[in-house]
Amino acid sequence: MHQRINITLPKETIQLIDRVAEKGSRSALIDKAVRHFVQTIGRARLRARLKKVDPIRAVRDLQIAEEWFALGDDD
């Protein structure tokens, strides 16, 4: 389901979007960019938490997390 929203972006950001997005696909580009950003931040936070909690098992836990993240990378 899609929902229309109104956002305000700097002119320079819109110019960047228009350079890479096909005509009529701004929303799709923004959706993909936001999802990528959130996923990247989520992974970085998980890595930081895993390292902080138990440094001895951090390497193993990070490897397991990366394997699970890879399963969801169908884009």
N, C-alpha and C. Protein backbone atom coordinates (compact mmCIF):
# COMPACT_ATOMS: atom_id res chain seq x y z
N MET A 1 0.84 -1.18 0.00
CA MET A 1 0.00 0.00 0.00
C MET A 1 0.88 1.24 0.00
N HIS A 2 0.54 2.19 -0.81
CA HIS A 2 1.29 3.44 -0.87
C HIS A 2 0.50 4.54 -0.20
N GLN A 3 1.21 5.50 0.34
CA GLN A 3 0.58 6.65 0.97
C GLN A 3 1.31 7.90 0.51
N ARG A 4 0.57 8.87 0.11
CA ARG A 4 1.16 10.13 -0.35
C ARG A 4 1.53 10.98 0.87
N ILE A 5 2.73 11.56 0.81
CA ILE A 5 3.17 12.50 1.83
C ILE A 5 3.79 13.70 1.14
N ASN A 6 3.91 14.77 1.85
CA ASN A 6 4.59 15.95 1.34
C ASN A 6 5.89 16.12 2.12
N ILE A 7 6.97 16.28 1.39
CA ILE A 7 8.26 16.52 2.04
C ILE A 7 8.92 17.73 1.38
N THR A 8 9.84 18.31 2.09
CA THR A 8 10.59 19.44 1.56
C THR A 8 12.06 19.05 1.54
N LEU A 9 12.67 19.19 0.38
CA LEU A 9 14.08 18.86 0.22
C LEU A 9 14.82 20.07 -0.35
N PRO A 10 16.10 20.18 -0.03
CA PRO A 10 16.89 21.25 -0.64
C PRO A 10 16.93 21.08 -2.17
N LYS A 11 17.02 22.18 -2.86
CA LYS A 11 17.05 22.16 -4.33
C LYS A 11 18.17 21.26 -4.84
N GLU A 12 19.31 21.29 -4.17
CA GLU A 12 20.45 20.48 -4.59
C GLU A 12 20.14 18.99 -4.49
N THR A 13 19.40 18.60 -3.46
CA THR A 13 19.02 17.20 -3.30
C THR A 13 18.08 16.76 -4.41
N ILE A 14 17.15 17.61 -4.76
CA ILE A 14 16.23 17.29 -5.85
C ILE A 14 16.99 17.16 -7.17
N GLN A 15 17.97 18.00 -7.38
CA GLN A 15 18.79 17.92 -8.59
C GLN A 15 19.55 16.59 -8.63
N LEU A 16 20.06 16.16 -7.47
CA LEU A 16 20.74 14.86 -7.41
C LEU A 16 19.78 13.72 -7.74
N ILE A 17 18.59 13.78 -7.17
CA ILE A 17 17.58 12.75 -7.44
C ILE A 17 17.27 12.71 -8.93
N ASP A 18 17.06 13.87 -9.52
CA ASP A 18 16.70 13.93 -10.93
C ASP A 18 17.83 13.47 -11.85
N ARG A 19 19.07 13.56 -11.38
CA ARG A 19 20.19 13.08 -12.20
C ARG A 19 20.20 11.57 -12.34
N VAL A 20 19.74 10.86 -11.31
CA VAL A 20 19.83 9.40 -11.33
C VAL A 20 18.50 8.68 -11.49
N ALA A 21 17.41 9.36 -11.18
CA ALA A 21 16.09 8.72 -11.28
C ALA A 21 15.53 8.89 -12.69
N GLU A 22 14.91 7.83 -13.18
CA GLU A 22 14.22 7.95 -14.45
C GLU A 22 13.00 8.83 -14.26
N LYS A 23 12.53 9.43 -15.33
CA LYS A 23 11.38 10.33 -15.25
C LYS A 23 10.19 9.59 -14.63
N GLY A 24 9.60 10.21 -13.62
CA GLY A 24 8.45 9.63 -12.96
C GLY A 24 8.77 8.61 -11.88
N SER A 25 10.05 8.45 -11.54
CA SER A 25 10.40 7.43 -10.55
C SER A 25 11.12 8.00 -9.33
N ARG A 26 10.88 9.25 -9.03
CA ARG A 26 11.49 9.85 -7.83
C ARG A 26 11.10 9.07 -6.58
N SER A 27 9.82 8.75 -6.45
CA SER A 27 9.35 8.07 -5.25
C SER A 27 10.06 6.73 -5.07
N ALA A 28 10.24 5.99 -6.14
CA ALA A 28 10.91 4.69 -6.07
C ALA A 28 12.36 4.86 -5.62
N LEU A 29 13.03 5.88 -6.15
CA LEU A 29 14.42 6.13 -5.77
C LEU A 29 14.51 6.50 -4.30
N ILE A 30 13.63 7.39 -3.85
CA ILE A 30 13.65 7.81 -2.45
C ILE A 30 13.35 6.62 -1.54
N ASP A 31 12.38 5.79 -1.92
CA ASP A 31 12.04 4.60 -1.14
C ASP A 31 13.25 3.68 -1.00
N LYS A 32 13.91 3.43 -2.10
CA LYS A 32 15.09 2.54 -2.09
C LYS A 32 16.22 3.14 -1.25
N ALA A 33 16.43 4.45 -1.38
CA ALA A 33 17.49 5.13 -0.63
C ALA A 33 17.23 5.09 0.87
N VAL A 34 16.00 5.33 1.26
CA VAL A 34 15.65 5.32 2.69
C VAL A 34 15.81 3.92 3.25
N ARG A 35 15.33 2.92 2.52
CA ARG A 35 15.46 1.53 3.00
C ARG A 35 16.93 1.13 3.14
N HIS A 36 17.75 1.53 2.16
CA HIS A 36 19.18 1.22 2.22
C HIS A 36 19.82 1.92 3.43
N PHE A 37 19.49 3.17 3.63
CA PHE A 37 20.03 3.93 4.75
C PHE A 37 19.67 3.29 6.09
N VAL A 38 18.40 2.97 6.26
CA VAL A 38 17.94 2.37 7.52
C VAL A 38 18.61 1.02 7.74
N GLN A 39 18.72 0.22 6.68
CA GLN A 39 19.37 -1.09 6.80
C GLN A 39 20.84 -0.92 7.18
N THR A 40 21.51 0.03 6.56
CA THR A 40 22.93 0.27 6.85
C THR A 40 23.12 0.74 8.28
N ILE A 41 22.29 1.66 8.73
CA ILE A 41 22.38 2.14 10.12
C ILE A 41 22.08 1.00 11.08
N GLY A 42 21.07 0.20 10.78
CA GLY A 42 20.73 -0.93 11.63
C GLY A 42 21.88 -1.90 11.77
N ARG A 43 22.53 -2.20 10.67
CA ARG A 43 23.68 -3.11 10.72
C ARG A 43 24.82 -2.52 11.53
N ALA A 44 25.09 -1.23 11.34
CA ALA A 44 26.17 -0.58 12.08
C ALA A 44 25.88 -0.59 13.58
N ARG A 45 24.64 -0.33 13.95
CA ARG A 45 24.29 -0.35 15.37
C ARG A 45 24.40 -1.76 15.95
N LEU A 46 23.97 -2.76 15.18
CA LEU A 46 24.08 -4.14 15.65
C LEU A 46 25.54 -4.52 15.84
N ARG A 47 26.38 -4.18 14.88
CA ARG A 47 27.82 -4.47 15.01
C ARG A 47 28.38 -3.84 16.28
N ALA A 48 28.04 -2.57 16.51
CA ALA A 48 28.55 -1.86 17.69
C ALA A 48 28.07 -2.54 18.97
N ARG A 49 26.79 -2.94 19.02
CA ARG A 49 26.27 -3.62 20.21
C ARG A 49 26.95 -4.96 20.43
N LEU A 50 27.14 -5.71 19.36
CA LEU A 50 27.77 -7.02 19.50
C LEU A 50 29.21 -6.89 20.00
N LYS A 51 29.92 -5.91 19.51
CA LYS A 51 31.30 -5.71 19.96
C LYS A 51 31.35 -5.27 21.42
N LYS A 52 30.39 -4.45 21.81
CA LYS A 52 30.37 -3.92 23.17
C LYS A 52 29.99 -4.98 24.20
N VAL A 53 29.05 -5.82 23.86
CA VAL A 53 28.53 -6.79 24.82
C VAL A 53 29.57 -7.84 25.19
N ASP A 54 30.19 -8.44 24.21
CA ASP A 54 31.13 -9.52 24.48
C ASP A 54 32.22 -9.55 23.41
N PRO A 55 33.30 -8.83 23.64
CA PRO A 55 34.36 -8.74 22.64
C PRO A 55 34.93 -10.11 22.25
N ILE A 56 34.91 -11.06 23.15
CA ILE A 56 35.48 -12.38 22.86
C ILE A 56 34.68 -13.09 21.77
N ARG A 57 33.36 -12.94 21.81
CA ARG A 57 32.51 -13.61 20.82
C ARG A 57 32.08 -12.68 19.68
N ALA A 58 32.58 -11.45 19.68
CA ALA A 58 32.13 -10.47 18.70
C ALA A 58 32.38 -10.91 17.27
N VAL A 59 33.55 -11.46 16.98
CA VAL A 59 33.87 -11.88 15.61
C VAL A 59 32.89 -12.94 15.14
N ARG A 60 32.65 -13.94 15.95
CA ARG A 60 31.71 -15.01 15.59
C ARG A 60 30.31 -14.46 15.39
N ASP A 61 29.87 -13.62 16.33
CA ASP A 61 28.52 -13.07 16.26
C ASP A 61 28.35 -12.17 15.04
N LEU A 62 29.38 -11.40 14.71
CA LEU A 62 29.31 -10.55 13.52
C LEU A 62 29.22 -11.39 12.25
N GLN A 63 29.95 -12.50 12.20
CA GLN A 63 29.88 -13.38 11.04
C GLN A 63 28.49 -13.97 10.89
N ILE A 64 27.90 -14.39 11.98
CA ILE A 64 26.54 -14.94 11.94
C ILE A 64 25.55 -13.87 11.48
N ALA A 65 25.68 -12.66 12.01
CA ALA A 65 24.79 -11.57 11.62
C ALA A 65 24.92 -11.27 10.14
N GLU A 66 26.13 -11.25 9.62
CA GLU A 66 26.35 -10.98 8.19
C GLU A 66 25.71 -12.06 7.33
N GLU A 67 25.78 -13.31 7.77
CA GLU A 67 25.15 -14.39 7.01
C GLU A 67 23.64 -14.18 6.97
N TRP A 68 23.06 -13.79 8.08
CA TRP A 68 21.60 -13.56 8.12
C TRP A 68 21.22 -12.35 7.28
N PHE A 69 22.03 -11.27 7.33
CA PHE A 69 21.73 -10.10 6.52
C PHE A 69 21.77 -10.45 5.03
N ALA A 70 22.70 -11.31 4.65
CA ALA A 70 22.83 -11.69 3.24
C ALA A 70 21.58 -12.41 2.75
N LEU A 71 20.91 -13.12 3.62
CA LEU A 71 19.70 -13.83 3.21
C LEU A 71 18.60 -12.88 2.80
N GLY A 72 18.60 -11.67 3.33
CA GLY A 72 17.55 -10.71 3.02
C GLY A 72 17.91 -9.77 1.88
N ASP A 73 19.09 -9.91 1.28
CA ASP A 73 19.55 -9.00 0.21
C ASP A 73 19.12 -9.51 -1.16
N ASP A 74 17.82 -9.43 -1.43
CA ASP A 74 17.31 -9.87 -2.73
C ASP A 74 17.13 -8.74 -3.71
N ASP A 75 17.50 -7.50 -3.32
CA ASP A 75 17.27 -6.32 -4.17
C ASP A 75 18.17 -6.32 -5.37
